[in-house]
Structures are given as structure tokens and as C-alpha cells.
Amino acid sequence: MAAAASFFPVFSCSHRRINSTNSCVSSRPISLSPSPDARVRDMAASVAFNPSGNFNPSLEDLEGDSPKVAQPLPPTVGRFEILINNEVIRDLDLSPVHKIVENISHDDAAAKVKELLQRTVGFAIDYEREDPSDPRELTEFPDLRLWFVRMDACFPWLPVVLDWRAGELARYAAMLVPHQMSMRMGVVFNPEALELFVMKKVFIVYPWLKQHKIPKPRMKTSDMARMLGFGIGDDLYDLIDKHPNVRSCS
């Protein structure tokens, strides 16, 4: 593959249609800021996801003197914390997550889901770099990303209960979606990969919320998608309701 422009479309507006639905992509900055020494990688391999609708930023765009992206808000008080460290990551150990969601499949599952949604969930990551001078962000370490891949496979609904205001959803997405880090723009996602990620989560989260009788599941699912810059239309939910899963997502 050559330049990004050859396989990633550049849009002159901030909306993009999702095939077979009336949904659209609404460009929105992702508030997950890099460390000061974050490195800039091959520009030809990435595209930006930003308010101007420019999905092919130049090096100047990524490293310009404009104000940096806003920092996330502090963690929600009283949220559930999933504690992970190098040992947990190395062993692909999901027990820290099981401790938080252990009652999710029992008789009181609906009550547990409501509690998770109310208190939210966050990650406390104690990751020791082999080289203390390694400038990479946490979302750039393959072993940590692999742990998140396994965790997401086992708990695909987890994004909806994360502490969005504190940036947990953006970090979660960055663990699973190709991206770059920009001092000015924060996380720079591959927009097509991010679109696939968000749509998959919509197809999982919406039936899951309905299964647990959570009020206004469409609104909650749309709020999740909107946090990553996507607007979801009712037509998509109508299609999901018209042809529900034979086996509900759990």
C-alpha cells in the first residue's frame, strides 16, 4: 500500500454514511492525550479522526503549535477498578475482570448491570517497562494490547459500562483499533477501523442492554457511539429489532 490517500477517503464534511443505515459518522476529537515524548510514526500509514473532517493529516498537523487536546476528567468517584499489572498481562489473566462482573450471569444480573452502569468501570494499569526510557504509550505495547484483545473477546459489552468521562472508552478503543498519538489532536484513529469497531459494539451492546431490561437501551448505546464520534440512527436499531440474534449476547 502506498500513500494513505490511495485507500482512505478524505471527506470535505464531517459526516459519513454507514451503508444500509441512516447513521452517520460525526467527527469528534478523542480526548486521550499522549505523553510529551510520544513518537510520531509513518504518516503514510495513518489517517486522522478530527473535528475538521480532515482524515489525512500532515506531520505539521500532528505536531503543530496549536493548543493540545483537553485532558480527560478525573475518574468517577466510587467506580469499580480493574487492577492489572505485568504478571496479569503476561499470563493473559482475566481474573481481575471476573471479580468485577462475577454476578453478571446469575439471577441478579439485571441489578448488577445497573450497578455497573451507575458506578462505571475503570482500569488501573501498573505496567513496568523493560526499558524505563521507552517513550511508547501504554496503547502501543503489544503484550498489553493482547490482554485487552482477550478481555474484549470474553466481555465484548464492557465498553458501555466504562468511565467515559475519564477517558476510559477512548483508551479501550485505542487498545483495539489502529491509531497514532498526536500532541495536538490526541488519539488519531484509522477511521475505517474505528467505524468497524463502533458498529460491532453497537450490535453487541444494544441487545445486551435489552436482555438485562435496561431502560432506553437505544439512547445508552447511541451515547456510547457518540463518545467515539459516531451518530447512530433509529433505522439501524429497527433492523436489529426486526432480525434479533438467535442467541442473545451475554
Protein backbone atom coordinates (compact mmCIF):
# COMPACT_ATOMS: atom_id res chain seq x y z
CA MET A 1 0.00 0.00 0.00
CA ALA A 2 1.27 3.45 -0.88
CA ALA A 3 0.04 6.74 0.48
CA ALA A 4 -2.93 6.84 2.81
CA ALA A 5 -4.92 8.86 0.31
CA SER A 6 -4.94 5.91 -2.06
CA PHE A 7 -7.04 3.73 0.23
CA PHE A 8 -8.58 6.02 2.84
CA PRO A 9 -11.13 8.55 1.54
CA VAL A 10 -10.77 12.20 2.53
CA PHE A 11 -14.02 13.97 3.33
CA SER A 12 -14.88 17.62 2.85
CA CYS A 13 -17.56 17.47 5.53
CA SER A 14 -17.83 15.91 8.97
CA HIS A 15 -20.48 13.29 8.14
CA ARG A 16 -20.13 9.90 6.55
CA ARG A 17 -22.86 7.42 5.70
CA ILE A 18 -22.78 3.88 7.03
CA ASN A 19 -24.08 1.52 4.35
CA SER A 20 -27.65 0.21 4.73
CA THR A 21 -28.50 2.61 7.55
CA ASN A 22 -29.29 6.28 8.06
CA SER A 23 -26.45 6.50 10.57
CA CYS A 24 -23.53 8.84 10.04
CA VAL A 25 -20.05 9.39 11.34
CA SER A 26 -19.76 12.68 13.20
CA SER A 27 -16.15 13.76 13.53
CA ARG A 28 -15.21 14.48 17.10
CA PRO A 29 -11.88 14.73 18.95
CA ILE A 30 -10.94 11.77 21.10
CA SER A 31 -9.71 13.02 24.47
CA LEU A 32 -6.83 10.73 25.31
CA SER A 33 -3.66 12.77 25.42
CA PRO A 34 -0.17 11.37 24.74
CA SER A 35 2.86 11.86 26.95
CA PRO A 36 5.23 14.70 25.97
CA ASP A 37 7.78 12.28 24.49
CA ALA A 38 5.32 10.33 22.32
CA ARG A 39 6.89 9.50 18.97
CA VAL A 40 5.45 10.31 15.56
CA ARG A 41 5.34 7.32 13.23
CA ASP A 42 5.00 6.78 9.50
CA MET A 43 2.48 9.37 8.32
CA ALA A 44 1.56 7.36 5.20
CA ALA A 45 0.15 4.57 7.36
CA SER A 46 -2.43 6.57 9.30
CA VAL A 47 -5.35 8.91 8.93
CA ALA A 48 -6.80 11.38 11.38
CA PHE A 49 -10.16 11.48 13.05
CA ASN A 50 -10.73 15.11 13.93
CA PRO A 51 -13.33 17.90 14.01
CA SER A 52 -12.36 19.43 10.66
CA GLY A 53 -13.18 16.28 8.74
CA ASN A 54 -9.58 16.01 7.51
CA PHE A 55 -8.68 12.34 7.71
CA ASN A 56 -5.19 12.67 6.22
CA PRO A 57 -3.15 14.95 8.48
CA SER A 58 0.32 16.16 7.68
CA LEU A 59 3.23 15.99 10.07
CA GLU A 60 2.64 19.69 10.77
CA ASP A 61 -0.97 18.92 11.72
CA LEU A 62 0.14 16.28 14.21
CA GLU A 63 2.98 18.26 15.77
CA GLY A 64 1.77 21.86 15.34
CA ASP A 65 1.87 24.60 17.94
CA SER A 66 -1.91 24.68 18.39
CA PRO A 67 -3.31 24.03 21.88
CA LYS A 68 -3.16 20.41 22.95
CA VAL A 69 -6.25 18.24 23.23
CA ALA A 70 -8.08 18.63 26.54
CA GLN A 71 -7.22 16.20 29.31
CA PRO A 72 -9.94 13.74 30.41
CA LEU A 73 -11.85 14.48 33.59
CA PRO A 74 -10.81 12.79 36.86
CA PRO A 75 -12.07 9.24 37.49
CA THR A 76 -15.65 8.95 38.69
CA VAL A 77 -15.78 8.65 42.46
CA GLY A 78 -16.71 5.15 43.60
CA ARG A 79 -16.19 3.46 40.25
CA PHE A 80 -15.12 -0.18 40.01
CA GLU A 81 -11.39 -0.55 39.37
CA ILE A 82 -9.88 -3.37 37.34
CA LEU A 83 -6.30 -3.69 38.58
CA ILE A 84 -3.80 -5.17 36.15
CA ASN A 85 -0.01 -5.45 36.23
CA ASN A 86 2.77 -7.13 34.27
CA GLU A 87 2.07 -10.56 35.74
CA VAL A 88 -1.63 -10.38 34.91
CA ILE A 89 -0.79 -9.19 31.40
CA ARG A 90 1.89 -11.83 30.82
CA ASP A 91 -0.45 -14.66 31.90
CA LEU A 92 -3.46 -13.27 29.99
CA ASP A 93 -5.20 -13.49 33.35
CA LEU A 94 -8.75 -12.16 33.31
CA SER A 95 -9.48 -12.79 36.99
CA PRO A 96 -9.37 -9.03 37.82
CA VAL A 97 -12.28 -8.55 35.41
CA HIS A 98 -14.16 -11.59 36.70
CA LYS A 99 -14.04 -10.11 40.21
CA ILE A 100 -15.95 -7.07 38.99
CA VAL A 101 -18.53 -8.83 36.81
CA GLU A 102 -18.80 -12.18 38.65
CA ASN A 103 -22.57 -11.88 39.19
CA ILE A 104 -23.40 -10.80 35.67
CA SER A 105 -24.79 -14.20 34.63
CA HIS A 106 -26.64 -15.00 37.84
CA ASP A 107 -30.24 -14.35 38.86
CA ASP A 108 -29.45 -10.80 39.95
CA ALA A 109 -27.74 -10.00 36.65
CA ALA A 110 -30.03 -7.05 35.86
CA ALA A 111 -29.26 -5.44 39.21
CA LYS A 112 -25.54 -5.97 38.69
CA VAL A 113 -25.67 -4.43 35.22
CA LYS A 114 -27.48 -1.38 36.57
CA GLU A 115 -24.83 -1.05 39.28
CA LEU A 116 -22.04 -1.26 36.71
CA LEU A 117 -23.72 1.40 34.58
CA GLN A 118 -24.25 3.66 37.57
CA ARG A 119 -20.81 3.35 39.17
CA THR A 120 -18.89 2.73 35.92
CA VAL A 121 -15.65 0.77 35.48
CA GLY A 122 -12.06 1.88 35.01
CA PHE A 123 -8.63 0.31 34.59
CA ALA A 124 -5.73 0.84 36.96
CA ILE A 125 -2.74 -0.28 34.89
CA ASP A 126 0.55 -0.83 36.72
CA TYR A 127 2.79 -1.60 33.76
CA GLU A 128 6.55 -1.63 34.25
CA ARG A 129 8.52 -1.05 31.06
CA GLU A 130 11.59 -3.21 30.50
CA ASP A 131 13.35 -0.03 29.47
CA PRO A 132 12.31 2.89 31.72
CA SER A 133 13.21 5.31 28.93
CA ASP A 134 10.82 3.65 26.46
CA PRO A 135 8.67 6.57 25.18
CA ARG A 136 5.76 4.45 23.93
CA GLU A 137 2.25 4.96 25.26
CA LEU A 138 0.52 2.07 27.06
CA THR A 139 -1.68 1.55 23.99
CA GLU A 140 1.45 0.80 21.95
CA PHE A 141 2.74 -2.20 23.90
CA PRO A 142 1.83 -5.48 22.12
CA ASP A 143 1.53 -7.59 25.28
CA LEU A 144 -0.84 -5.12 26.93
CA ARG A 145 -2.92 -4.82 23.76
CA LEU A 146 -3.10 -8.63 23.53
CA TRP A 147 -4.51 -8.76 27.07
CA PHE A 148 -7.19 -6.27 26.05
CA VAL A 149 -7.95 -8.30 22.92
CA ARG A 150 -8.61 -11.40 25.01
CA MET A 151 -10.58 -9.43 27.58
CA ASP A 152 -12.71 -7.84 24.86
CA ALA A 153 -13.41 -11.28 23.36
CA CYS A 154 -14.71 -12.51 26.71
CA PHE A 155 -16.55 -9.34 27.75
CA PRO A 156 -17.50 -7.59 24.49
CA TRP A 157 -20.15 -5.45 26.21
CA LEU A 158 -17.68 -3.87 28.64
CA PRO A 159 -17.28 -0.53 26.77
CA VAL A 160 -20.82 0.53 27.70
CA VAL A 161 -20.07 0.40 31.45
CA LEU A 162 -16.68 2.12 31.30
CA ASP A 163 -15.98 5.51 32.88
CA TRP A 164 -16.39 7.50 29.67
CA ARG A 165 -15.88 10.95 31.19
CA ALA A 166 -12.45 9.91 32.46
CA GLY A 167 -11.32 8.76 29.02
CA GLU A 168 -11.63 5.02 29.65
CA LEU A 169 -13.66 4.38 26.48
CA ALA A 170 -11.13 6.21 24.30
CA ARG A 171 -8.25 4.27 25.85
CA TYR A 172 -10.15 1.00 25.47
CA ALA A 173 -10.70 1.73 21.78
CA ALA A 174 -7.04 2.67 21.35
CA MET A 175 -6.04 -0.74 22.71
CA LEU A 176 -8.01 -2.43 19.92
CA VAL A 177 -8.04 -0.01 16.98
CA PRO A 178 -5.02 1.08 14.87
CA HIS A 179 -4.05 4.64 15.74
CA GLN A 180 -1.29 7.18 16.24
CA MET A 181 -0.65 9.60 19.07
CA SER A 182 -0.58 13.32 18.36
CA MET A 183 0.49 16.05 20.80
CA ARG A 184 -2.19 18.37 19.39
CA MET A 185 -5.01 16.02 18.37
CA GLY A 186 -4.71 13.25 20.95
CA VAL A 187 -5.53 9.80 19.57
CA VAL A 188 -5.51 9.67 15.76
CA PHE A 189 -7.58 6.64 14.76
CA ASN A 190 -7.79 4.88 11.44
CA PRO A 191 -11.40 5.93 10.74
CA GLU A 192 -12.47 2.81 8.87
CA ALA A 193 -11.12 0.55 11.62
CA LEU A 194 -12.80 2.71 14.25
CA GLU A 195 -16.08 2.58 12.34
CA LEU A 196 -15.97 -1.23 12.29
CA PHE A 197 -15.15 -1.30 16.00
CA VAL A 198 -18.03 1.01 16.91
CA MET A 199 -20.56 -0.80 14.73
CA LYS A 200 -19.58 -4.15 16.22
CA LYS A 201 -20.05 -2.73 19.70
CA VAL A 202 -23.46 -1.34 18.76
CA PHE A 203 -24.55 -4.79 17.56
CA ILE A 204 -23.37 -6.30 20.86
CA VAL A 205 -24.29 -3.66 23.41
CA TYR A 206 -27.82 -2.83 22.28
CA PRO A 207 -29.18 -6.43 22.56
CA TRP A 208 -27.22 -6.88 25.79
CA LEU A 209 -28.86 -3.86 27.40
CA LYS A 210 -32.29 -5.04 26.22
CA GLN A 211 -31.60 -8.52 27.57
CA HIS A 212 -30.96 -7.06 31.02
CA LYS A 213 -34.00 -4.76 30.77
CA ILE A 214 -32.01 -1.54 30.99
CA PRO A 215 -34.23 1.49 30.27
CA LYS A 216 -33.67 3.34 26.98
CA PRO A 217 -31.12 0.91 25.50
CA ARG A 218 -31.04 2.81 22.21
CA MET A 219 -30.10 6.05 23.93
CA LYS A 220 -27.40 4.40 26.02
CA THR A 221 -25.91 2.63 23.01
CA SER A 222 -26.01 5.82 20.93
CA ASP A 223 -24.34 7.74 23.76
CA MET A 224 -21.51 5.20 23.74
CA ALA A 225 -21.06 5.53 19.97
CA ARG A 226 -21.24 9.32 20.18
CA MET A 227 -18.34 9.34 22.66
CA LEU A 228 -16.22 8.00 19.80
CA GLY A 229 -17.68 10.46 17.31
CA PHE A 230 -20.41 8.37 15.69
CA GLY A 231 -24.12 9.08 15.34
CA ILE A 232 -26.41 6.04 15.15
CA GLY A 233 -29.85 6.40 13.56
CA ASP A 234 -33.04 4.66 14.68
CA ASP A 235 -33.23 2.78 11.38
CA LEU A 236 -30.29 0.65 12.45
CA TYR A 237 -31.95 -0.27 15.74
CA ASP A 238 -35.16 -1.07 13.86
CA LEU A 239 -33.23 -3.53 11.71
CA ILE A 240 -31.65 -5.15 14.77
CA ASP A 241 -35.07 -5.49 16.41
CA LYS A 242 -36.57 -6.87 13.23
CA HIS A 243 -33.94 -9.60 12.99
CA PRO A 244 -32.71 -10.25 16.55
CA ASN A 245 -29.92 -12.64 17.38
CA VAL A 246 -30.99 -16.25 17.79
CA ARG A 247 -28.69 -16.37 20.79
CA SER A 248 -28.55 -13.19 22.82
CA CYS A 249 -25.19 -11.62 23.53
CA SER A 250 -24.22 -12.24 27.15
